Amino acid sequence: MRTTVTIDDDLLRRAKQAAGARGETLGSLVEEALRRLLAEATTRRPGVELPLFMGGTGPRPGVDLTSNAALEDLTDEDRRAAV
């Protein structure tokens, strides 16, 4: 298929040089680049395994996580205990 695209002049010059150095046409170079880009975009990357914490963590019993004052008091207690 024949189509028209607008390409930056410097990029087009470099693409033509690269195609010539590889002994291929500009069209085949552009096709290959698009195939690689589209294949990369559809390839799913493996998920990241996140650590799972089972117990032993979390707020102390009775701590109100919605109260800034309670959290500040708790932080102050921890600081005094560490000294």
PDB file of N, CA and C in Angstrom:
ATOM      1  N   MET A   1       0.848  -1.170   0.000  1.00  0.00           N
ATOM      2  CA  MET A   1       0.000   0.000   0.000  1.00  0.00           C
ATOM      3  C   MET A   1       0.896   1.237   0.000  1.00  0.00           C
ATOM      4  N   ARG A   2       0.451   2.201  -0.679  1.00  0.00           N
ATOM      5  CA  ARG A   2       1.203   3.453  -0.775  1.00  0.00           C
ATOM      6  C   ARG A   2       0.495   4.492   0.089  1.00  0.00           C
ATOM      7  N   THR A   3       1.278   5.228   0.873  1.00  0.00           N
ATOM      8  CA  THR A   3       0.708   6.261   1.733  1.00  0.00           C
ATOM      9  C   THR A   3       1.687   7.409   1.877  1.00  0.00           C
ATOM     10  N   THR A   4       1.229   8.508   2.427  1.00  0.00           N
ATOM     11  CA  THR A   4       2.079   9.681   2.636  1.00  0.00           C
ATOM     12  C   THR A   4       2.142   9.972   4.125  1.00  0.00           C
ATOM     13  N   VAL A   5       3.349  10.180   4.615  1.00  0.00           N
ATOM     14  CA  VAL A   5       3.529  10.561   6.017  1.00  0.00           C
ATOM     15  C   VAL A   5       4.466  11.748   6.085  1.00  0.00           C
ATOM     16  N   THR A   6       4.342  12.513   7.145  1.00  0.00           N
ATOM     17  CA  THR A   6       5.237  13.641   7.362  1.00  0.00           C
ATOM     18  C   THR A   6       6.295  13.206   8.365  1.00  0.00           C
ATOM     19  N   ILE A   7       7.565  13.326   7.971  1.00  0.00           N
ATOM     20  CA  ILE A   7       8.684  12.900   8.809  1.00  0.00           C
ATOM     21  C   ILE A   7       9.678  14.050   8.902  1.00  0.00           C
ATOM     22  N   ASP A   8      10.228  14.231  10.087  1.00  0.00           N
ATOM     23  CA  ASP A   8      11.259  15.232  10.308  1.00  0.00           C
ATOM     24  C   ASP A   8      12.376  15.048   9.276  1.00  0.00           C
ATOM     25  N   ASP A   9      12.854  16.149   8.691  1.00  0.00           N
ATOM     26  CA  ASP A   9      13.861  16.086   7.630  1.00  0.00           C
ATOM     27  C   ASP A   9      15.125  15.349   8.059  1.00  0.00           C
ATOM     28  N   ASP A  10      15.623  15.648   9.255  1.00  0.00           N
ATOM     29  CA  ASP A  10      16.847  14.992   9.731  1.00  0.00           C
ATOM     30  C   ASP A  10      16.616  13.501   9.942  1.00  0.00           C
ATOM     31  N   LEU A  11      15.464  13.145  10.500  1.00  0.00           N
ATOM     32  CA  LEU A  11      15.141  11.735  10.716  1.00  0.00           C
ATOM     33  C   LEU A  11      15.030  11.000   9.389  1.00  0.00           C
ATOM     34  N   LEU A  12      14.411  11.616   8.405  1.00  0.00           N
ATOM     35  CA  LEU A  12      14.276  11.005   7.085  1.00  0.00           C
ATOM     36  C   LEU A  12      15.646  10.803   6.443  1.00  0.00           C
ATOM     37  N   ARG A  13      16.512  11.797   6.545  1.00  0.00           N
ATOM     38  CA  ARG A  13      17.867  11.672   5.991  1.00  0.00           C
ATOM     39  C   ARG A  13      18.608  10.505   6.638  1.00  0.00           C
ATOM     40  N   ARG A  14      18.511  10.412   7.975  1.00  0.00           N
ATOM     41  CA  ARG A  14      19.200   9.323   8.684  1.00  0.00           C
ATOM     42  C   ARG A  14      18.607   7.970   8.329  1.00  0.00           C
ATOM     43  N   ALA A  15      17.290   7.907   8.160  1.00  0.00           N
ATOM     44  CA  ALA A  15      16.636   6.653   7.791  1.00  0.00           C
ATOM     45  C   ALA A  15      17.052   6.204   6.402  1.00  0.00           C
ATOM     46  N   LYS A  16      17.147   7.145   5.474  1.00  0.00           N
ATOM     47  CA  LYS A  16      17.597   6.806   4.120  1.00  0.00           C
ATOM     48  C   LYS A  16      19.028   6.286   4.142  1.00  0.00           C
ATOM     49  N   GLN A  17      19.888   6.925   4.940  1.00  0.00           N
ATOM     50  CA  GLN A  17      21.275   6.459   5.061  1.00  0.00           C
ATOM     51  C   GLN A  17      21.328   5.055   5.652  1.00  0.00           C
ATOM     52  N   ALA A  18      20.518   4.800   6.690  1.00  0.00           N
ATOM     53  CA  ALA A  18      20.505   3.482   7.328  1.00  0.00           C
ATOM     54  C   ALA A  18      19.998   2.421   6.362  1.00  0.00           C
ATOM     55  N   ALA A  19      18.959   2.753   5.603  1.00  0.00           N
ATOM     56  CA  ALA A  19      18.428   1.801   4.628  1.00  0.00           C
ATOM     57  C   ALA A  19      19.478   1.495   3.565  1.00  0.00           C
ATOM     58  N   GLY A  20      20.153   2.527   3.076  1.00  0.00           N
ATOM     59  CA  GLY A  20      21.191   2.319   2.063  1.00  0.00           C
ATOM     60  C   GLY A  20      22.337   1.472   2.598  1.00  0.00           C
ATOM     61  N   ALA A  21      22.741   1.720   3.836  1.00  0.00           N
ATOM     62  CA  ALA A  21      23.830   0.954   4.431  1.00  0.00           C
ATOM     63  C   ALA A  21      23.457  -0.513   4.598  1.00  0.00           C
ATOM     64  N   ARG A  22      22.161  -0.778   4.770  1.00  0.00           N
ATOM     65  CA  ARG A  22      21.698  -2.162   4.927  1.00  0.00           C
ATOM     66  C   ARG A  22      21.329  -2.798   3.596  1.00  0.00           C
ATOM     67  N   GLY A  23      21.393  -2.005   2.550  1.00  0.00           N
ATOM     68  CA  GLY A  23      21.059  -2.529   1.231  1.00  0.00           C
ATOM     69  C   GLY A  23      19.574  -2.767   1.042  1.00  0.00           C
ATOM     70  N   GLU A  24      18.753  -1.956   1.674  1.00  0.00           N
ATOM     71  CA  GLU A  24      17.308  -2.114   1.530  1.00  0.00           C
ATOM     72  C   GLU A  24      16.677  -0.763   1.229  1.00  0.00           C
ATOM     73  N   THR A  25      15.403  -0.800   0.918  1.00  0.00           N
ATOM     74  CA  THR A  25      14.696   0.445   0.608  1.00  0.00           C
ATOM     75  C   THR A  25      14.240   1.134   1.895  1.00  0.00           C
ATOM     76  N   LEU A  26      13.937   2.412   1.763  1.00  0.00           N
ATOM     77  CA  LEU A  26      13.408   3.158   2.891  1.00  0.00           C
ATOM     78  C   LEU A  26      12.093   2.535   3.353  1.00  0.00           C
ATOM     79  N   GLY A  27      11.267   2.119   2.415  1.00  0.00           N
ATOM     80  CA  GLY A  27       9.981   1.500   2.760  1.00  0.00           C
ATOM     81  C   GLY A  27      10.145   0.254   3.603  1.00  0.00           C
ATOM     82  N   SER A  28      11.109  -0.605   3.234  1.00  0.00           N
ATOM     83  CA  SER A  28      11.295  -1.839   4.008  1.00  0.00           C
ATOM     84  C   SER A  28      11.853  -1.530   5.403  1.00  0.00           C
ATOM     85  N   LEU A  29      12.687  -0.499   5.501  1.00  0.00           N
ATOM     86  CA  LEU A  29      13.210  -0.096   6.807  1.00  0.00           C
ATOM     87  C   LEU A  29      12.071   0.403   7.699  1.00  0.00           C
ATOM     88  N   VAL A  30      11.190   1.217   7.142  1.00  0.00           N
ATOM     89  CA  VAL A  30      10.052   1.744   7.905  1.00  0.00           C
ATOM     90  C   VAL A  30       9.116   0.602   8.303  1.00  0.00           C
ATOM     91  N   GLU A  31       8.850  -0.329   7.400  1.00  0.00           N
ATOM     92  CA  GLU A  31       7.997  -1.478   7.721  1.00  0.00           C
ATOM     93  C   GLU A  31       8.575  -2.283   8.886  1.00  0.00           C
ATOM     94  N   GLU A  32       9.864  -2.557   8.829  1.00  0.00           N
ATOM     95  CA  GLU A  32      10.502  -3.329   9.895  1.00  0.00           C
ATOM     96  C   GLU A  32      10.422  -2.594  11.230  1.00  0.00           C
ATOM     97  N   ALA A  33      10.666  -1.294  11.207  1.00  0.00           N
ATOM     98  CA  ALA A  33      10.612  -0.507  12.440  1.00  0.00           C
ATOM     99  C   ALA A  33       9.192  -0.520  13.016  1.00  0.00           C
ATOM    100  N   LEU A  34       8.190  -0.379  12.174  1.00  0.00           N
ATOM    101  CA  LEU A  34       6.811  -0.401  12.646  1.00  0.00           C
ATOM    102  C   LEU A  34       6.430  -1.769  13.192  1.00  0.00           C
ATOM    103  N   ARG A  35       6.857  -2.839  12.513  1.00  0.00           N
ATOM    104  CA  ARG A  35       6.571  -4.193  13.006  1.00  0.00           C
ATOM    105  C   ARG A  35       7.173  -4.403  14.397  1.00  0.00           C
ATOM    106  N   ARG A  36       8.424  -3.979  14.564  1.00  0.00           N
ATOM    107  CA  ARG A  36       9.075  -4.131  15.869  1.00  0.00           C
ATOM    108  C   ARG A  36       8.357  -3.330  16.943  1.00  0.00           C
ATOM    109  N   LEU A  37       8.008  -2.093  16.630  1.00  0.00           N
ATOM    110  CA  LEU A  37       7.324  -1.236  17.593  1.00  0.00           C
ATOM    111  C   LEU A  37       5.980  -1.829  17.993  1.00  0.00           C
ATOM    112  N   LEU A  38       5.219  -2.281  17.027  1.00  0.00           N
ATOM    113  CA  LEU A  38       3.892  -2.827  17.314  1.00  0.00           C
ATOM    114  C   LEU A  38       3.985  -4.164  18.045  1.00  0.00           C
ATOM    115  N   ALA A  39       4.974  -4.986  17.724  1.00  0.00           N
ATOM    116  CA  ALA A  39       5.153  -6.255  18.425  1.00  0.00           C
ATOM    117  C   ALA A  39       5.544  -5.999  19.877  1.00  0.00           C
ATOM    118  N   GLU A  40       6.373  -5.011  20.098  1.00  0.00           N
ATOM    119  CA  GLU A  40       6.802  -4.659  21.457  1.00  0.00           C
ATOM    120  C   GLU A  40       5.625  -4.161  22.271  1.00  0.00           C
ATOM    121  N   ALA A  41       4.752  -3.410  21.654  1.00  0.00           N
ATOM    122  CA  ALA A  41       3.605  -2.833  22.357  1.00  0.00           C
ATOM    123  C   ALA A  41       2.603  -3.906  22.752  1.00  0.00           C
ATOM    124  N   THR A  42       2.519  -4.993  22.002  1.00  0.00           N
ATOM    125  CA  THR A  42       1.541  -6.044  22.302  1.00  0.00           C
ATOM    126  C   THR A  42       2.129  -7.160  23.150  1.00  0.00           C
ATOM    127  N   THR A  43       3.429  -7.186  23.305  1.00  0.00           N
ATOM    128  CA  THR A  43       4.056  -8.223  24.117  1.00  0.00           C
ATOM    129  C   THR A  43       3.851  -7.874  25.586  1.00  0.00           C
ATOM    130  N   ARG A  44       3.291  -8.801  26.319  1.00  0.00           N
ATOM    131  CA  ARG A  44       3.063  -8.556  27.740  1.00  0.00           C
ATOM    132  C   ARG A  44       4.341  -8.829  28.506  1.00  0.00           C
ATOM    133  N   ARG A  45       4.659  -7.919  29.359  1.00  0.00           N
ATOM    134  CA  ARG A  45       5.813  -8.100  30.221  1.00  0.00           C
ATOM    135  C   ARG A  45       5.395  -8.923  31.428  1.00  0.00           C
ATOM    136  N   PRO A  46       6.305  -9.725  31.948  1.00  0.00           N
ATOM    137  CA  PRO A  46       5.935 -10.532  33.118  1.00  0.00           C
ATOM    138  C   PRO A  46       5.601  -9.624  34.307  1.00  0.00           C
ATOM    139  N   GLY A  47       4.627 -10.055  35.077  1.00  0.00           N
ATOM    140  CA  GLY A  47       4.222  -9.286  36.241  1.00  0.00           C
ATOM    141  C   GLY A  47       5.296  -9.296  37.319  1.00  0.00           C
ATOM    142  N   VAL A  48       5.193  -8.355  38.183  1.00  0.00           N
ATOM    143  CA  VAL A  48       6.123  -8.245  39.305  1.00  0.00           C
ATOM    144  C   VAL A  48       5.489  -8.932  40.496  1.00  0.00           C
ATOM    145  N   GLU A  49       6.238  -9.791  41.148  1.00  0.00           N
ATOM    146  CA  GLU A  49       5.715 -10.465  42.326  1.00  0.00           C
ATOM    147  C   GLU A  49       5.909  -9.561  43.542  1.00  0.00           C
ATOM    148  N   LEU A  50       4.810  -9.231  44.180  1.00  0.00           N
ATOM    149  CA  LEU A  50       4.863  -8.373  45.354  1.00  0.00           C
ATOM    150  C   LEU A  50       4.875  -9.228  46.614  1.00  0.00           C
ATOM    151  N   PRO A  51       5.601  -8.763  47.622  1.00  0.00           N
ATOM    152  CA  PRO A  51       5.633  -9.549  48.864  1.00  0.00           C
ATOM    153  C   PRO A  51       4.268  -9.537  49.554  1.00  0.00           C
ATOM    154  N   LEU A  52       3.950 -10.620  50.201  1.00  0.00           N
ATOM    155  CA  LEU A  52       2.698 -10.749  50.918  1.00  0.00           C
ATOM    156  C   LEU A  52       3.016 -10.892  52.402  1.00  0.00           C
ATOM    157  N   PHE A  53       2.501  -9.996  53.198  1.00  0.00           N
ATOM    158  CA  PHE A  53       2.763 -10.022  54.630  1.00  0.00           C
ATOM    159  C   PHE A  53       1.582 -10.663  55.333  1.00  0.00           C
ATOM    160  N   MET A  54       1.869 -11.706  56.073  1.00  0.00           N
ATOM    161  CA  MET A  54       0.816 -12.442  56.772  1.00  0.00           C
ATOM    162  C   MET A  54       0.969 -12.241  58.274  1.00  0.00           C
ATOM    163  N   GLY A  55       0.279 -11.283  58.814  1.00  0.00           N
ATOM    164  CA  GLY A  55       0.285 -11.066  60.256  1.00  0.00           C
ATOM    165  C   GLY A  55       1.564 -10.425  60.745  1.00  0.00           C
ATOM    166  N   GLY A  56       1.542  -9.994  61.982  1.00  0.00           N
ATOM    167  CA  GLY A  56       2.720  -9.406  62.590  1.00  0.00           C
ATOM    168  C   GLY A  56       2.958  -7.965  62.195  1.00  0.00           C
ATOM    169  N   THR A  57       2.121  -7.418  61.353  1.00  0.00           N
ATOM    170  CA  THR A  57       2.278  -6.033  60.938  1.00  0.00           C
ATOM    171  C   THR A  57       0.955  -5.327  61.110  1.00  0.00           C
ATOM    172  N   GLY A  58       0.960  -4.055  60.942  1.00  0.00           N
ATOM    173  CA  GLY A  58      -0.276  -3.288  61.043  1.00  0.00           C
ATOM    174  C   GLY A  58      -0.269  -2.428  62.287  1.00  0.00           C
ATOM    175  N   PRO A  59      -1.324  -1.692  62.475  1.00  0.00           N
ATOM    176  CA  PRO A  59      -1.375  -0.786  63.632  1.00  0.00           C
ATOM    177  C   PRO A  59      -1.546  -1.560  64.938  1.00  0.00           C
ATOM    178  N   ARG A  60      -1.133  -0.929  65.987  1.00  0.00           N
ATOM    179  CA  ARG A  60      -1.326  -1.506  67.316  1.00  0.00           C
ATOM    180  C   ARG A  60      -2.818  -1.510  67.630  1.00  0.00           C
ATOM    181  N   PRO A  61      -3.260  -2.457  68.410  1.00  0.00           N
ATOM    182  CA  PRO A  61      -4.672  -2.456  68.798  1.00  0.00           C
ATOM    183  C   PRO A  61      -5.027  -1.152  69.500  1.00  0.00           C
ATOM    184  N   GLY A  62      -6.161  -0.593  69.156  1.00  0.00           N
ATOM    185  CA  GLY A  62      -6.640   0.620  69.794  1.00  0.00           C
ATOM    186  C   GLY A  62      -6.162   1.902  69.143  1.00  0.00           C
ATOM    187  N   VAL A  63      -5.306   1.836  68.138  1.00  0.00           N
ATOM    188  CA  VAL A  63      -4.807   3.041  67.484  1.00  0.00           C
ATOM    189  C   VAL A  63      -5.837   3.501  66.445  1.00  0.00           C
ATOM    190  N   ASP A  64      -6.207   4.767  66.515  1.00  0.00           N
ATOM    191  CA  ASP A  64      -7.175   5.340  65.580  1.00  0.00           C
ATOM    192  C   ASP A  64      -6.412   5.938  64.398  1.00  0.00           C
ATOM    193  N   LEU A  65      -6.432   5.244  63.275  1.00  0.00           N
ATOM    194  CA  LEU A  65      -5.687   5.697  62.103  1.00  0.00           C
ATOM    195  C   LEU A  65      -6.301   6.926  61.446  1.00  0.00           C
ATOM    196  N   THR A  66      -7.502   7.292  61.854  1.00  0.00           N
ATOM    197  CA  THR A  66      -8.138   8.475  61.274  1.00  0.00           C
ATOM    198  C   THR A  66      -7.858   9.729  62.084  1.00  0.00           C
ATOM    199  N   SER A  67      -7.133   9.593  63.181  1.00  0.00           N
ATOM    200  CA  SER A  67      -6.859  10.735  64.050  1.00  0.00           C
ATOM    201  C   SER A  67      -5.386  11.120  63.975  1.00  0.00           C
ATOM    202  N   ASN A  68      -5.122  12.288  63.410  1.00  0.00           N
ATOM    203  CA  ASN A  68      -3.738  12.769  63.347  1.00  0.00           C
ATOM    204  C   ASN A  68      -3.142  12.934  64.732  1.00  0.00           C
ATOM    205  N   ALA A  69      -3.931  13.405  65.672  1.00  0.00           N
ATOM    206  CA  ALA A  69      -3.438  13.616  67.032  1.00  0.00           C
ATOM    207  C   ALA A  69      -3.033  12.289  67.671  1.00  0.00           C
ATOM    208  N   ALA A  70      -3.858  11.252  67.483  1.00  0.00           N
ATOM    209  CA  ALA A  70      -3.525   9.937  68.055  1.00  0.00           C
ATOM    210  C   ALA A  70      -2.251   9.390  67.433  1.00  0.00           C
ATOM    211  N   LEU A  71      -2.096   9.562  66.136  1.00  0.00           N
ATOM    212  CA  LEU A  71      -0.884   9.081  65.465  1.00  0.00           C
ATOM    213  C   LEU A  71       0.345   9.856  65.918  1.00  0.00           C
ATOM    214  N   GLU A  72       0.188  11.161  66.115  1.00  0.00           N
ATOM    215  CA  GLU A  72       1.307  11.973  66.593  1.00  0.00           C
ATOM    216  C   GLU A  72       1.704  11.561  68.004  1.00  0.00           C
ATOM    217  N   ASP A  73       0.716  11.316  68.860  1.00  0.00           N
ATOM    218  CA  ASP A  73       1.007  10.852  70.218  1.00  0.00           C
ATOM    219  C   ASP A  73       1.762   9.527  70.187  1.00  0.00           C
ATOM    220  N   LEU A  74       1.318   8.626  69.342  1.00  0.00           N
ATOM    221  CA  LEU A  74       1.968   7.319  69.218  1.00  0.00           C
ATOM    222  C   LEU A  74       3.406   7.480  68.732  1.00  0.00           C
ATOM    223  N   THR A  75       3.626   8.339  67.751  1.00  0.00           N
ATOM    224  CA  THR A  75       4.974   8.605  67.237  1.00  0.00           C
ATOM    225  C   THR A  75       5.863   9.188  68.329  1.00  0.00           C
ATOM    226  N   ASP A  76       5.294  10.124  69.115  1.00  0.00           N
ATOM    227  CA  ASP A  76       6.061  10.712  70.224  1.00  0.00           C
ATOM    228  C   ASP A  76       6.439   9.641  71.245  1.00  0.00           C
ATOM    229  N   GLU A  77       5.516   8.727  71.535  1.00  0.00           N
ATOM    230  CA  GLU A  77       5.805   7.635  72.476  1.00  0.00           C
ATOM    231  C   GLU A  77       6.943   6.766  71.951  1.00  0.00           C
ATOM    232  N   ASP A  78       6.918   6.449  70.659  1.00  0.00           N
ATOM    233  CA  ASP A  78       7.975   5.627  70.059  1.00  0.00           C
ATOM    234  C   ASP A  78       9.319   6.347  70.128  1.00  0.00           C
ATOM    235  N   ARG A  79       9.337   7.645  69.915  1.00  0.00           N
ATOM    236  CA  ARG A  79      10.583   8.406  69.962  1.00  0.00           C
ATOM    237  C   ARG A  79      11.156   8.418  71.381  1.00  0.00           C
ATOM    238  N   ARG A  80      10.286   8.631  72.394  1.00  0.00           N
ATOM    239  CA  ARG A  80      10.747   8.646  73.763  1.00  0.00           C
ATOM    240  C   ARG A  80      11.282   7.278  74.172  1.00  0.00           C
ATOM    241  N   ALA A  81      10.647   6.210  73.699  1.00  0.00           N
ATOM    242  CA  ALA A  81      11.075   4.844  74.048  1.00  0.00           C
ATOM    243  C   ALA A  81      12.409   4.507  73.403  1.00  0.00           C
ATOM    244  N   ALA A  82      12.696   5.100  72.256  1.00  0.00           N
ATOM    245  CA  ALA A  82      13.934   4.800  71.529  1.00  0.00           C
ATOM    246  C   ALA A  82      15.140   5.501  72.162  1.00  0.00           C
ATOM    247  N   VAL A  83      14.904   6.549  72.954  1.00  0.00           N
ATOM    248  CA  VAL A  83      16.012   7.324  73.536  1.00  0.00           C
ATOM    249  C   VAL A  83      16.558   6.688  74.761  1.00  0.00           C
TER     250      VAL A  83
END
